[in-house]
Structures are given as structure tokens and as C-alpha cells.
Amino acid sequence: MTSTSSEMEGKRLELLREVVPTVSYIAVLWNAASPIQVIEERGVQAAAQISGMKMLSLGVPTIEEIEDALTTIVRERPGALLVLDFSSVAQSMSESRLPSVRGSSGESRLKASKFDRLSFA
């Protein structure tokens, strides 16, 4: 399953690179309480390494800890965000306008736009 996961995550990173060609540093927000997402996160790590991307991995075990993770994302200033199926987080990130890719129900959805609500000043 890890090989298939790496391939899928590699495709998500390719999509992200097509929309944001200069991205070299990504944040990955994932549910650390989900055994499936542990495997997916490993796939992202492998895909990022192969594509030469630096990766900030933020495993969040509960929804209450997401705010701390988002604070870290703002502080670290990645070029994009990959959300591994946190529906409520994905909605918040859509509103933030940070380029992001999220997986849900076997699909990848890509949204790319300018940084808006997240201030890096």
C-alpha cells in the first residue's frame, strides 16, 4: 500500500507544481490519529524527497490542535499546503486562499490562489 500511496501523493505534488511551478517547500497537514493517513503521510514524504521538495509534516491527532498547526504553517511560510482529508480544515484553507491540495474519497481537489488571510508579515 505504501508504493501506491507514494504514487498517488506524487501525482498530487505534480498537480500542485503545475499550478504553483516555483513551489519548493510544502506543509502537509494530516490526521495523526488515522492509521491510513500515517501511511499517506509516508507516501508524501517519499514523493517530496523524489521531487526535491522540502516538507513540513504536521500530524494533528485532534481537531482542537489544528490552530497550533496553522500557526506553525504561518511561521514557517511554506509555498503551499497539502491537507490529507480534514474536511473542516480544508474548508478553512479554501477561505485562506493558500495554494493547497486535499484528498477526499479517493479524489484530489486542487485550489490555487494568492495568499490572503494568512499574513506572513
PDB file of N, CA and C in Angstrom:
ATOM      1  N   MET A   1       0.820  -1.204   0.000  1.00  0.00           N
ATOM      2  CA  MET A   1       0.000   0.000   0.000  1.00  0.00           C
ATOM      3  C   MET A   1       0.859   1.262   0.000  1.00  0.00           C
ATOM      4  N   THR A   2       2.055   1.194   0.585  1.00  0.00           N
ATOM      5  CA  THR A   2       2.912   2.368   0.627  1.00  0.00           C
ATOM      6  C   THR A   2       3.331   2.797  -0.776  1.00  0.00           C
ATOM      7  N   SER A   3       3.624   1.837  -1.647  1.00  0.00           N
ATOM      8  CA  SER A   3       4.002   2.161  -3.020  1.00  0.00           C
ATOM      9  C   SER A   3       2.872   2.879  -3.743  1.00  0.00           C
ATOM     10  N   THR A   4       1.658   2.364  -3.620  1.00  0.00           N
ATOM     11  CA  THR A   4       0.506   3.003  -4.241  1.00  0.00           C
ATOM     12  C   THR A   4       0.280   4.384  -3.646  1.00  0.00           C
ATOM     13  N   SER A   5       0.426   4.501  -2.336  1.00  0.00           N
ATOM     14  CA  SER A   5       0.264   5.785  -1.666  1.00  0.00           C
ATOM     15  C   SER A   5       1.303   6.781  -2.172  1.00  0.00           C
ATOM     16  N   SER A   6       2.548   6.343  -2.323  1.00  0.00           N
ATOM     17  CA  SER A   6       3.603   7.227  -2.832  1.00  0.00           C
ATOM     18  C   SER A   6       3.278   7.721  -4.233  1.00  0.00           C
ATOM     19  N   GLU A   7       2.745   6.824  -5.059  1.00  0.00           N
ATOM     20  CA  GLU A   7       2.382   7.214  -6.419  1.00  0.00           C
ATOM     21  C   GLU A   7       1.263   8.248  -6.413  1.00  0.00           C
ATOM     22  N   MET A   8       0.240   8.020  -5.590  1.00  0.00           N
ATOM     23  CA  MET A   8      -0.891   8.954  -5.509  1.00  0.00           C
ATOM     24  C   MET A   8      -0.425  10.314  -4.991  1.00  0.00           C
ATOM     25  N   GLU A   9       0.375  10.289  -3.944  1.00  0.00           N
ATOM     26  CA  GLU A   9       0.863  11.554  -3.385  1.00  0.00           C
ATOM     27  C   GLU A   9       1.789  12.240  -4.373  1.00  0.00           C
ATOM     28  N   GLY A  10       2.557  11.463  -5.123  1.00  0.00           N
ATOM     29  CA  GLY A  10       3.409  12.045  -6.163  1.00  0.00           C
ATOM     30  C   GLY A  10       2.578  12.784  -7.196  1.00  0.00           C
ATOM     31  N   LYS A  11       1.437  12.210  -7.559  1.00  0.00           N
ATOM     32  CA  LYS A  11       0.544  12.875  -8.523  1.00  0.00           C
ATOM     33  C   LYS A  11      -0.034  14.156  -7.934  1.00  0.00           C
ATOM     34  N   ARG A  12      -0.386  14.131  -6.656  1.00  0.00           N
ATOM     35  CA  ARG A  12      -0.876  15.362  -6.014  1.00  0.00           C
ATOM     36  C   ARG A  12       0.193  16.444  -6.031  1.00  0.00           C
ATOM     37  N   LEU A  13       1.440  16.055  -5.741  1.00  0.00           N
ATOM     38  CA  LEU A  13       2.523  17.041  -5.765  1.00  0.00           C
ATOM     39  C   LEU A  13       2.764  17.553  -7.185  1.00  0.00           C
ATOM     40  N   GLU A  14       2.633  16.684  -8.185  1.00  0.00           N
ATOM     41  CA  GLU A  14       2.753  17.122  -9.581  1.00  0.00           C
ATOM     42  C   GLU A  14       1.678  18.155  -9.914  1.00  0.00           C
ATOM     43  N   LEU A  15       0.438  17.883  -9.495  1.00  0.00           N
ATOM     44  CA  LEU A  15      -0.647  18.839  -9.725  1.00  0.00           C
ATOM     45  C   LEU A  15      -0.333  20.179  -9.072  1.00  0.00           C
ATOM     46  N   LEU A  16       0.146  20.115  -7.865  1.00  0.00           N
ATOM     47  CA  LEU A  16       0.477  21.331  -7.139  1.00  0.00           C
ATOM     48  C   LEU A  16       1.574  22.101  -7.869  1.00  0.00           C
ATOM     49  N   ARG A  17       2.577  21.399  -8.359  1.00  0.00           N
ATOM     50  CA  ARG A  17       3.673  22.045  -9.093  1.00  0.00           C
ATOM     51  C   ARG A  17       3.205  22.656 -10.403  1.00  0.00           C
ATOM     52  N   GLU A  18       2.198  22.042 -11.039  1.00  0.00           N
ATOM     53  CA  GLU A  18       1.663  22.611 -12.268  1.00  0.00           C
ATOM     54  C   GLU A  18       1.009  23.958 -12.008  1.00  0.00           C
ATOM     55  N   VAL A  19       0.337  24.069 -10.879  1.00  0.00           N
ATOM     56  CA  VAL A  19      -0.356  25.307 -10.547  1.00  0.00           C
ATOM     57  C   VAL A  19       0.594  26.328  -9.925  1.00  0.00           C
ATOM     58  N   VAL A  20       1.530  25.863  -9.134  1.00  0.00           N
ATOM     59  CA  VAL A  20       2.499  26.747  -8.471  1.00  0.00           C
ATOM     60  C   VAL A  20       3.894  26.211  -8.816  1.00  0.00           C
ATOM     61  N   PRO A  21       4.387  26.524 -10.027  1.00  0.00           N
ATOM     62  CA  PRO A  21       5.639  25.927 -10.510  1.00  0.00           C
ATOM     63  C   PRO A  21       6.862  26.201  -9.637  1.00  0.00           C
ATOM     64  N   THR A  22       6.845  27.287  -8.899  1.00  0.00           N
ATOM     65  CA  THR A  22       8.016  27.639  -8.101  1.00  0.00           C
ATOM     66  C   THR A  22       8.001  27.016  -6.702  1.00  0.00           C
ATOM     67  N   VAL A  23       6.974  26.258  -6.358  1.00  0.00           N
ATOM     68  CA  VAL A  23       6.884  25.713  -5.009  1.00  0.00           C
ATOM     69  C   VAL A  23       8.013  24.703  -4.767  1.00  0.00           C
ATOM     70  N   SER A  24       8.726  24.922  -3.665  1.00  0.00           N
ATOM     71  CA  SER A  24       9.804  24.004  -3.294  1.00  0.00           C
ATOM     72  C   SER A  24       9.689  23.585  -1.832  1.00  0.00           C
ATOM     73  N   TYR A  25       8.764  24.215  -1.120  1.00  0.00           N
ATOM     74  CA  TYR A  25       8.575  23.930   0.306  1.00  0.00           C
ATOM     75  C   TYR A  25       7.082  23.842   0.574  1.00  0.00           C
ATOM     76  N   ILE A  26       6.629  22.674   1.043  1.00  0.00           N
ATOM     77  CA  ILE A  26       5.214  22.469   1.297  1.00  0.00           C
ATOM     78  C   ILE A  26       4.982  22.079   2.755  1.00  0.00           C
ATOM     79  N   ALA A  27       3.803  22.402   3.239  1.00  0.00           N
ATOM     80  CA  ALA A  27       3.348  21.907   4.537  1.00  0.00           C
ATOM     81  C   ALA A  27       2.330  20.808   4.259  1.00  0.00           C
ATOM     82  N   VAL A  28       2.362  19.772   5.077  1.00  0.00           N
ATOM     83  CA  VAL A  28       1.398  18.683   4.961  1.00  0.00           C
ATOM     84  C   VAL A  28       0.679  18.569   6.297  1.00  0.00           C
ATOM     85  N   LEU A  29      -0.622  18.756   6.261  1.00  0.00           N
ATOM     86  CA  LEU A  29      -1.461  18.678   7.457  1.00  0.00           C
ATOM     87  C   LEU A  29      -2.249  17.380   7.382  1.00  0.00           C
ATOM     88  N   TRP A  30      -2.095  16.550   8.408  1.00  0.00           N
ATOM     89  CA  TRP A  30      -2.718  15.233   8.356  1.00  0.00           C
ATOM     90  C   TRP A  30      -3.185  14.799   9.734  1.00  0.00           C
ATOM     91  N   ASN A  31      -4.129  13.848   9.738  1.00  0.00           N
ATOM     92  CA  ASN A  31      -4.733  13.343  10.961  1.00  0.00           C
ATOM     93  C   ASN A  31      -3.851  12.241  11.530  1.00  0.00           C
ATOM     94  N   ALA A  32      -3.100  12.558  12.582  1.00  0.00           N
ATOM     95  CA  ALA A  32      -2.172  11.600  13.184  1.00  0.00           C
ATOM     96  C   ALA A  32      -2.890  10.459  13.897  1.00  0.00           C
ATOM     97  N   ALA A  33      -4.184  10.596  14.123  1.00  0.00           N
ATOM     98  CA  ALA A  33      -4.963   9.527  14.759  1.00  0.00           C
ATOM     99  C   ALA A  33      -5.460   8.496  13.749  1.00  0.00           C
ATOM    100  N   SER A  34      -5.234   8.727  12.477  1.00  0.00           N
ATOM    101  CA  SER A  34      -5.708   7.830  11.423  1.00  0.00           C
ATOM    102  C   SER A  34      -4.559   6.970  10.891  1.00  0.00           C
ATOM    103  N   PRO A  35      -4.633   5.644  11.074  1.00  0.00           N
ATOM    104  CA  PRO A  35      -3.579   4.777  10.539  1.00  0.00           C
ATOM    105  C   PRO A  35      -3.412   4.913   9.017  1.00  0.00           C
ATOM    106  N   ILE A  36      -4.495   5.161   8.322  1.00  0.00           N
ATOM    107  CA  ILE A  36      -4.418   5.343   6.869  1.00  0.00           C
ATOM    108  C   ILE A  36      -3.621   6.596   6.530  1.00  0.00           C
ATOM    109  N   GLN A  37      -3.864   7.671   7.279  1.00  0.00           N
ATOM    110  CA  GLN A  37      -3.141   8.903   6.976  1.00  0.00           C
ATOM    111  C   GLN A  37      -1.669   8.831   7.382  1.00  0.00           C
ATOM    112  N   VAL A  38      -1.324   7.969   8.340  1.00  0.00           N
ATOM    113  CA  VAL A  38       0.090   7.736   8.654  1.00  0.00           C
ATOM    114  C   VAL A  38       0.778   7.183   7.409  1.00  0.00           C
ATOM    115  N   ILE A  39       0.124   6.231   6.749  1.00  0.00           N
ATOM    116  CA  ILE A  39       0.671   5.647   5.516  1.00  0.00           C
ATOM    117  C   ILE A  39       0.720   6.691   4.406  1.00  0.00           C
ATOM    118  N   GLU A  40      -0.358   7.483   4.267  1.00  0.00           N
ATOM    119  CA  GLU A  40      -0.378   8.528   3.236  1.00  0.00           C
ATOM    120  C   GLU A  40       0.724   9.549   3.467  1.00  0.00           C
ATOM    121  N   GLU A  41       0.950   9.919   4.722  1.00  0.00           N
ATOM    122  CA  GLU A  41       2.000  10.907   5.033  1.00  0.00           C
ATOM    123  C   GLU A  41       3.362  10.371   4.629  1.00  0.00           C
ATOM    124  N   ARG A  42       3.601   9.078   4.848  1.00  0.00           N
ATOM    125  CA  ARG A  42       4.865   8.467   4.420  1.00  0.00           C
ATOM    126  C   ARG A  42       5.000   8.525   2.898  1.00  0.00           C
ATOM    127  N   GLY A  43       3.867   8.335   2.209  1.00  0.00           N
ATOM    128  CA  GLY A  43       3.879   8.447   0.754  1.00  0.00           C
ATOM    129  C   GLY A  43       4.218   9.850   0.293  1.00  0.00           C
ATOM    130  N   VAL A  44       3.693  10.842   0.997  1.00  0.00           N
ATOM    131  CA  VAL A  44       4.012  12.239   0.667  1.00  0.00           C
ATOM    132  C   VAL A  44       5.493  12.501   0.905  1.00  0.00           C
ATOM    133  N   GLN A  45       6.017  12.004   2.026  1.00  0.00           N
ATOM    134  CA  GLN A  45       7.444  12.182   2.315  1.00  0.00           C
ATOM    135  C   GLN A  45       8.295  11.626   1.177  1.00  0.00           C
ATOM    136  N   ALA A  46       7.967  10.413   0.748  1.00  0.00           N
ATOM    137  CA  ALA A  46       8.729   9.785  -0.336  1.00  0.00           C
ATOM    138  C   ALA A  46       8.615  10.587  -1.630  1.00  0.00           C
ATOM    139  N   ALA A  47       7.397  11.011  -1.962  1.00  0.00           N
ATOM    140  CA  ALA A  47       7.181  11.780  -3.190  1.00  0.00           C
ATOM    141  C   ALA A  47       7.892  13.130  -3.126  1.00  0.00           C
ATOM    142  N   ALA A  48       7.847  13.777  -1.977  1.00  0.00           N
ATOM    143  CA  ALA A  48       8.518  15.078  -1.830  1.00  0.00           C
ATOM    144  C   ALA A  48      10.027  14.921  -1.982  1.00  0.00           C
ATOM    145  N   GLN A  49      10.563  13.869  -1.393  1.00  0.00           N
ATOM    146  CA  GLN A  49      12.002  13.633  -1.495  1.00  0.00           C
ATOM    147  C   GLN A  49      12.406  13.397  -2.956  1.00  0.00           C
ATOM    148  N   ILE A  50      11.628  12.594  -3.658  1.00  0.00           N
ATOM    149  CA  ILE A  50      11.920  12.304  -5.065  1.00  0.00           C
ATOM    150  C   ILE A  50      11.851  13.570  -5.912  1.00  0.00           C
ATOM    151  N   SER A  51      10.872  14.433  -5.618  1.00  0.00           N
ATOM    152  CA  SER A  51      10.710  15.648  -6.427  1.00  0.00           C
ATOM    153  C   SER A  51      11.567  16.813  -5.931  1.00  0.00           C
ATOM    154  N   GLY A  52      12.351  16.600  -4.883  1.00  0.00           N
ATOM    155  CA  GLY A  52      13.253  17.646  -4.392  1.00  0.00           C
ATOM    156  C   GLY A  52      12.568  18.735  -3.592  1.00  0.00           C
ATOM    157  N   MET A  53      11.382  18.439  -3.057  1.00  0.00           N
ATOM    158  CA  MET A  53      10.663  19.421  -2.248  1.00  0.00           C
ATOM    159  C   MET A  53      11.008  19.256  -0.772  1.00  0.00           C
ATOM    160  N   LYS A  54      11.113  20.367  -0.094  1.00  0.00           N
ATOM    161  CA  LYS A  54      11.244  20.362   1.361  1.00  0.00           C
ATOM    162  C   LYS A  54       9.824  20.244   1.924  1.00  0.00           C
ATOM    163  N   MET A  55       9.663  19.490   3.018  1.00  0.00           N
ATOM    164  CA  MET A  55       8.323  19.231   3.537  1.00  0.00           C
ATOM    165  C   MET A  55       8.253  19.461   5.038  1.00  0.00           C
ATOM    166  N   LEU A  56       7.229  20.195   5.458  1.00  0.00           N
ATOM    167  CA  LEU A  56       6.903  20.386   6.868  1.00  0.00           C
ATOM    168  C   LEU A  56       5.705  19.494   7.157  1.00  0.00           C
ATOM    169  N   SER A  57       5.898  18.438   7.949  1.00  0.00           N
ATOM    170  CA  SER A  57       4.832  17.490   8.255  1.00  0.00           C
ATOM    171  C   SER A  57       4.192  17.846   9.586  1.00  0.00           C
ATOM    172  N   LEU A  58       2.883  18.040   9.568  1.00  0.00           N
ATOM    173  CA  LEU A  58       2.148  18.401  10.776  1.00  0.00           C
ATOM    174  C   LEU A  58       1.041  17.385  11.023  1.00  0.00           C
ATOM    175  N   GLY A  59       1.371  16.365  11.811  1.00  0.00           N
ATOM    176  CA  GLY A  59       0.387  15.364  12.200  1.00  0.00           C
ATOM    177  C   GLY A  59      -0.405  15.881  13.384  1.00  0.00           C
ATOM    178  N   VAL A  60      -1.688  16.016  13.204  1.00  0.00           N
ATOM    179  CA  VAL A  60      -2.558  16.583  14.237  1.00  0.00           C
ATOM    180  C   VAL A  60      -3.543  15.491  14.669  1.00  0.00           C
ATOM    181  N   PRO A  61      -3.454  15.037  15.934  1.00  0.00           N
ATOM    182  CA  PRO A  61      -4.322  13.938  16.363  1.00  0.00           C
ATOM    183  C   PRO A  61      -5.765  14.338  16.666  1.00  0.00           C
ATOM    184  N   THR A  62      -6.002  15.611  16.962  1.00  0.00           N
ATOM    185  CA  THR A  62      -7.376  16.057  17.249  1.00  0.00           C
ATOM    186  C   THR A  62      -7.647  17.380  16.557  1.00  0.00           C
ATOM    187  N   ILE A  63      -8.901  17.624  16.269  1.00  0.00           N
ATOM    188  CA  ILE A  63      -9.306  18.858  15.600  1.00  0.00           C
ATOM    189  C   ILE A  63      -8.953  20.084  16.442  1.00  0.00           C
ATOM    190  N   GLU A  64      -8.918  19.915  17.759  1.00  0.00           N
ATOM    191  CA  GLU A  64      -8.596  21.032  18.647  1.00  0.00           C
ATOM    192  C   GLU A  64      -7.155  21.516  18.485  1.00  0.00           C
ATOM    193  N   GLU A  65      -6.296  20.681  17.947  1.00  0.00           N
ATOM    194  CA  GLU A  65      -4.882  21.038  17.794  1.00  0.00           C
ATOM    195  C   GLU A  65      -4.557  21.670  16.443  1.00  0.00           C
ATOM    196  N   ILE A  66      -5.546  21.830  15.619  1.00  0.00           N
ATOM    197  CA  ILE A  66      -5.300  22.371  14.283  1.00  0.00           C
ATOM    198  C   ILE A  66      -4.828  23.823  14.332  1.00  0.00           C
ATOM    199  N   GLU A  67      -5.358  24.605  15.248  1.00  0.00           N
ATOM    200  CA  GLU A  67      -4.953  26.007  15.315  1.00  0.00           C
ATOM    201  C   GLU A  67      -3.446  26.144  15.531  1.00  0.00           C
ATOM    202  N   ASP A  68      -2.882  25.310  16.410  1.00  0.00           N
ATOM    203  CA  ASP A  68      -1.429  25.340  16.616  1.00  0.00           C
ATOM    204  C   ASP A  68      -0.684  24.984  15.327  1.00  0.00           C
ATOM    205  N   ALA A  69      -1.205  24.002  14.605  1.00  0.00           N
ATOM    206  CA  ALA A  69      -0.578  23.613  13.344  1.00  0.00           C
ATOM    207  C   ALA A  69      -0.636  24.754  12.329  1.00  0.00           C
ATOM    208  N   LEU A  70      -1.769  25.436  12.265  1.00  0.00           N
ATOM    209  CA  LEU A  70      -1.896  26.562  11.331  1.00  0.00           C
ATOM    210  C   LEU A  70      -0.956  27.699  11.716  1.00  0.00           C
ATOM    211  N   THR A  71      -0.766  27.918  13.017  1.00  0.00           N
ATOM    212  CA  THR A  71       0.192  28.931  13.481  1.00  0.00           C
ATOM    213  C   THR A  71       1.607  28.564  13.011  1.00  0.00           C
ATOM    214  N   THR A  72       1.935  27.288  13.102  1.00  0.00           N
ATOM    215  CA  THR A  72       3.242  26.822  12.631  1.00  0.00           C
ATOM    216  C   THR A  72       3.387  27.043  11.132  1.00  0.00           C
ATOM    217  N   ILE A  73       2.331  26.777  10.386  1.00  0.00           N
ATOM    218  CA  ILE A  73       2.371  26.982   8.937  1.00  0.00           C
ATOM    219  C   ILE A  73       2.646  28.450   8.615  1.00  0.00           C
ATOM    220  N   VAL A  74       1.974  29.346   9.316  1.00  0.00           N
ATOM    221  CA  VAL A  74       2.189  30.780   9.089  1.00  0.00           C
ATOM    222  C   VAL A  74       3.634  31.157   9.422  1.00  0.00           C
ATOM    223  N   ARG A  75       4.137  30.638  10.528  1.00  0.00           N
ATOM    224  CA  ARG A  75       5.506  30.963  10.954  1.00  0.00           C
ATOM    225  C   ARG A  75       6.544  30.411   9.974  1.00  0.00           C
ATOM    226  N   GLU A  76       6.323  29.202   9.488  1.00  0.00           N
ATOM    227  CA  GLU A  76       7.310  28.541   8.626  1.00  0.00           C
ATOM    228  C   GLU A  76       7.252  28.967   7.162  1.00  0.00           C
ATOM    229  N   ARG A  77       6.143  29.542   6.739  1.00  0.00           N
ATOM    230  CA  ARG A  77       5.982  30.109   5.403  1.00  0.00           C
ATOM    231  C   ARG A  77       6.194  29.150   4.231  1.00  0.00           C
ATOM    232  N   PRO A  78       5.497  28.016   4.218  1.00  0.00           N
ATOM    233  CA  PRO A  78       5.620  27.138   3.045  1.00  0.00           C
ATOM    234  C   PRO A  78       4.972  27.783   1.829  1.00  0.00           C
ATOM    235  N   GLY A  79       5.325  27.283   0.664  1.00  0.00           N
ATOM    236  CA  GLY A  79       4.741  27.812  -0.564  1.00  0.00           C
ATOM    237  C   GLY A  79       3.363  27.260  -0.866  1.00  0.00           C
ATOM    238  N   ALA A  80       3.000  26.144  -0.213  1.00  0.00           N
ATOM    239  CA  ALA A  80       1.692  25.523  -0.445  1.00  0.00           C
ATOM    240  C   ALA A  80       1.393  24.549   0.690  1.00  0.00           C
ATOM    241  N   LEU A  81       0.155  24.105   0.704  1.00  0.00           N
ATOM    242  CA  LEU A  81      -0.311  23.199   1.750  1.00  0.00           C
ATOM    243  C   LEU A  81      -1.003  21.998   1.130  1.00  0.00           C
ATOM    244  N   LEU A  82      -0.647  20.805   1.606  1.00  0.00           N
ATOM    245  CA  LEU A  82      -1.330  19.574   1.251  1.00  0.00           C
ATOM    246  C   LEU A  82      -2.081  19.115   2.494  1.00  0.00           C
ATOM    247  N   VAL A  83      -3.403  19.020   2.396  1.00  0.00           N
ATOM    248  CA  VAL A  83      -4.240  18.573   3.513  1.00  0.00           C
ATOM    249  C   VAL A  83      -4.711  17.165   3.200  1.00  0.00           C
ATOM    250  N   LEU A  84      -4.386  16.236   4.095  1.00  0.00           N
ATOM    251  CA  LEU A  84      -4.814  14.856   3.907  1.00  0.00           C
ATOM    252  C   LEU A  84      -6.145  14.639   4.611  1.00  0.00           C
ATOM    253  N   ASP A  85      -7.212  15.047   3.970  1.00  0.00           N
ATOM    254  CA  ASP A  85      -8.601  14.817   4.363  1.00  0.00           C
ATOM    255  C   ASP A  85      -8.995  15.203   5.785  1.00  0.00           C
ATOM    256  N   PHE A  86      -8.917  16.457   6.080  1.00  0.00           N
ATOM    257  CA  PHE A  86      -9.551  17.061   7.247  1.00  0.00           C
ATOM    258  C   PHE A  86     -10.600  17.976   6.630  1.00  0.00           C
ATOM    259  N   SER A  87     -11.809  17.531   6.512  1.00  0.00           N
ATOM    260  CA  SER A  87     -12.824  18.312   5.808  1.00  0.00           C
ATOM    261  C   SER A  87     -12.973  19.717   6.349  1.00  0.00           C
ATOM    262  N   SER A  88     -13.013  19.871   7.678  1.00  0.00           N
ATOM    263  CA  SER A  88     -13.189  21.211   8.243  1.00  0.00           C
ATOM    264  C   SER A  88     -11.961  22.080   8.022  1.00  0.00           C
ATOM    265  N   VAL A  89     -10.784  21.485   8.060  1.00  0.00           N
ATOM    266  CA  VAL A  89      -9.558  22.242   7.805  1.00  0.00           C
ATOM    267  C   VAL A  89      -9.509  22.648   6.346  1.00  0.00           C
ATOM    268  N   ALA A  90      -9.878  21.730   5.483  1.00  0.00           N
ATOM    269  CA  ALA A  90      -9.860  22.034   4.058  1.00  0.00           C
ATOM    270  C   ALA A  90     -10.763  23.228   3.755  1.00  0.00           C
ATOM    271  N   GLN A  91     -11.909  23.295   4.405  1.00  0.00           N
ATOM    272  CA  GLN A  91     -12.802  24.435   4.219  1.00  0.00           C
ATOM    273  C   GLN A  91     -12.126  25.725   4.677  1.00  0.00           C
ATOM    274  N   SER A  92     -11.479  25.683   5.840  1.00  0.00           N
ATOM    275  CA  SER A  92     -10.775  26.872   6.339  1.00  0.00           C
ATOM    276  C   SER A  92      -9.671  27.286   5.388  1.00  0.00           C
ATOM    277  N   MET A  93      -8.946  26.321   4.841  1.00  0.00           N
ATOM    278  CA  MET A  93      -7.846  26.642   3.946  1.00  0.00           C
ATOM    279  C   MET A  93      -8.370  27.202   2.634  1.00  0.00           C
ATOM    280  N   SER A  94      -9.531  26.762   2.177  1.00  0.00           N
ATOM    281  CA  SER A  94     -10.131  27.351   0.978  1.00  0.00           C
ATOM    282  C   SER A  94     -10.350  28.831   1.203  1.00  0.00           C
ATOM    283  N   GLU A  95     -10.815  29.149   2.393  1.00  0.00           N
ATOM    284  CA  GLU A  95     -11.079  30.545   2.726  1.00  0.00           C
ATOM    285  C   GLU A  95      -9.788  31.329   2.879  1.00  0.00           C
ATOM    286  N   SER A  96      -8.683  30.668   3.263  1.00  0.00           N
ATOM    287  CA  SER A  96      -7.415  31.372   3.477  1.00  0.00           C
ATOM    288  C   SER A  96      -6.722  31.717   2.164  1.00  0.00           C
ATOM    289  N   ARG A  97      -7.082  31.023   1.083  1.00  0.00           N
ATOM    290  CA  ARG A  97      -6.524  31.244  -0.247  1.00  0.00           C
ATOM    291  C   ARG A  97      -5.074  30.794  -0.374  1.00  0.00           C
ATOM    292  N   LEU A  98      -4.605  29.924   0.531  1.00  0.00           N
ATOM    293  CA  LEU A  98      -3.273  29.338   0.421  1.00  0.00           C
ATOM    294  C   LEU A  98      -3.339  28.228  -0.614  1.00  0.00           C
ATOM    295  N   PRO A  99      -2.424  28.182  -1.598  1.00  0.00           N
ATOM    296  CA  PRO A  99      -2.465  27.095  -2.567  1.00  0.00           C
ATOM    297  C   PRO A  99      -2.435  25.762  -1.829  1.00  0.00           C
ATOM    298  N   SER A 100      -3.373  24.889  -2.121  1.00  0.00           N
ATOM    299  CA  SER A 100      -3.446  23.634  -1.389  1.00  0.00           C
ATOM    300  C   SER A 100      -4.010  22.517  -2.236  1.00  0.00           C
ATOM    301  N   VAL A 101      -3.666  21.301  -1.867  1.00  0.00           N
ATOM    302  CA  VAL A 101      -4.220  20.105  -2.466  1.00  0.00           C
ATOM    303  C   VAL A 101      -4.757  19.284  -1.322  1.00  0.00           C
ATOM    304  N   ARG A 102      -5.971  18.765  -1.477  1.00  0.00           N
ATOM    305  CA  ARG A 102      -6.503  17.920  -0.418  1.00  0.00           C
ATOM    306  C   ARG A 102      -7.103  16.677  -1.026  1.00  0.00           C
ATOM    307  N   GLY A 103      -7.012  15.583  -0.286  1.00  0.00           N
ATOM    308  CA  GLY A 103      -7.568  14.320  -0.741  1.00  0.00           C
ATOM    309  C   GLY A 103      -8.852  14.040  -0.002  1.00  0.00           C
ATOM    310  N   SER A 104      -9.824  13.497  -0.699  1.00  0.00           N
ATOM    311  CA  SER A 104     -11.087  13.142  -0.076  1.00  0.00           C
ATOM    312  C   SER A 104     -11.778  12.098  -0.925  1.00  0.00           C
ATOM    313  N   SER A 105     -12.179  11.019  -0.308  1.00  0.00           N
ATOM    314  CA  SER A 105     -12.926   9.966  -1.001  1.00  0.00           C
ATOM    315  C   SER A 105     -12.229   9.520  -2.288  1.00  0.00           C
ATOM    316  N   GLY A 106     -10.912   9.372  -2.226  1.00  0.00           N
ATOM    317  CA  GLY A 106     -10.184   8.886  -3.386  1.00  0.00           C
ATOM    318  C   GLY A 106      -9.965   9.910  -4.471  1.00  0.00           C
ATOM    319  N   GLU A 107     -10.356  11.148  -4.250  1.00  0.00           N
ATOM    320  CA  GLU A 107     -10.177  12.191  -5.254  1.00  0.00           C
ATOM    321  C   GLU A 107      -9.151  13.196  -4.766  1.00  0.00           C
ATOM    322  N   SER A 108      -8.574  13.926  -5.669  1.00  0.00           N
ATOM    323  CA  SER A 108      -7.737  15.059  -5.310  1.00  0.00           C
ATOM    324  C   SER A 108      -8.421  16.311  -5.820  1.00  0.00           C
ATOM    325  N   ARG A 109      -8.460  17.300  -4.988  1.00  0.00           N
ATOM    326  CA  ARG A 109      -9.006  18.589  -5.412  1.00  0.00           C
ATOM    327  C   ARG A 109      -7.889  19.609  -5.266  1.00  0.00           C
ATOM    328  N   LEU A 110      -7.731  20.442  -6.253  1.00  0.00           N
ATOM    329  CA  LEU A 110      -6.659  21.416  -6.234  1.00  0.00           C
ATOM    330  C   LEU A 110      -7.240  22.807  -6.269  1.00  0.00           C
ATOM    331  N   LYS A 111      -6.759  23.640  -5.369  1.00  0.00           N
ATOM    332  CA  LYS A 111      -7.172  25.039  -5.360  1.00  0.00           C
ATOM    333  C   LYS A 111      -5.894  25.856  -5.249  1.00  0.00           C
ATOM    334  N   ALA A 112      -5.711  26.773  -6.126  1.00  0.00           N
ATOM    335  CA  ALA A 112      -4.534  27.619  -6.070  1.00  0.00           C
ATOM    336  C   ALA A 112      -4.963  29.067  -6.205  1.00  0.00           C
ATOM    337  N   SER A 113      -4.426  29.873  -5.369  1.00  0.00           N
ATOM    338  CA  SER A 113      -4.722  31.294  -5.416  1.00  0.00           C
ATOM    339  C   SER A 113      -3.674  32.015  -4.579  1.00  0.00           C
ATOM    340  N   LYS A 114      -3.790  33.297  -4.482  1.00  0.00           N
ATOM    341  CA  LYS A 114      -2.818  34.091  -3.736  1.00  0.00           C
ATOM    342  C   LYS A 114      -3.055  33.961  -2.248  1.00  0.00           C
ATOM    343  N   PHE A 115      -1.970  34.186  -1.484  1.00  0.00           N
ATOM    344  CA  PHE A 115      -2.117  34.224  -0.035  1.00  0.00           C
ATOM    345  C   PHE A 115      -3.017  35.401   0.293  1.00  0.00           C
ATOM    346  N   ASP A 116      -3.946  35.204   1.190  1.00  0.00           N
ATOM    347  CA  ASP A 116      -4.861  36.266   1.527  1.00  0.00           C
ATOM    348  C   ASP A 116      -4.915  36.424   3.031  1.00  0.00           C
ATOM    349  N   ARG A 117      -5.722  35.599   3.670  1.00  0.00           N
ATOM    350  CA  ARG A 117      -5.950  35.753   5.106  1.00  0.00           C
ATOM    351  C   ARG A 117      -4.722  35.445   5.946  1.00  0.00           C
ATOM    352  N   LEU A 118      -3.886  34.485   5.532  1.00  0.00           N
ATOM    353  CA  LEU A 118      -2.699  34.158   6.304  1.00  0.00           C
ATOM    354  C   LEU A 118      -1.649  35.234   6.038  1.00  0.00           C
ATOM    355  N   SER A 119      -1.266  35.935   7.060  1.00  0.00           N
ATOM    356  CA  SER A 119      -0.304  37.033   6.898  1.00  0.00           C
ATOM    357  C   SER A 119       1.080  36.566   7.267  1.00  0.00           C
ATOM    358  N   PHE A 120       2.017  36.799   6.384  1.00  0.00           N
ATOM    359  CA  PHE A 120       3.394  36.420   6.634  1.00  0.00           C
ATOM    360  C   PHE A 120       4.255  37.644   6.950  1.00  0.00           C
ATOM    361  N   ALA A 121       3.643  38.729   7.325  1.00  0.00           N
ATOM    362  CA  ALA A 121       4.397  39.961   7.604  1.00  0.00           C
ATOM    363  C   ALA A 121       5.204  39.841   8.869  1.00  0.00           C
TER     364      ALA A 121
END
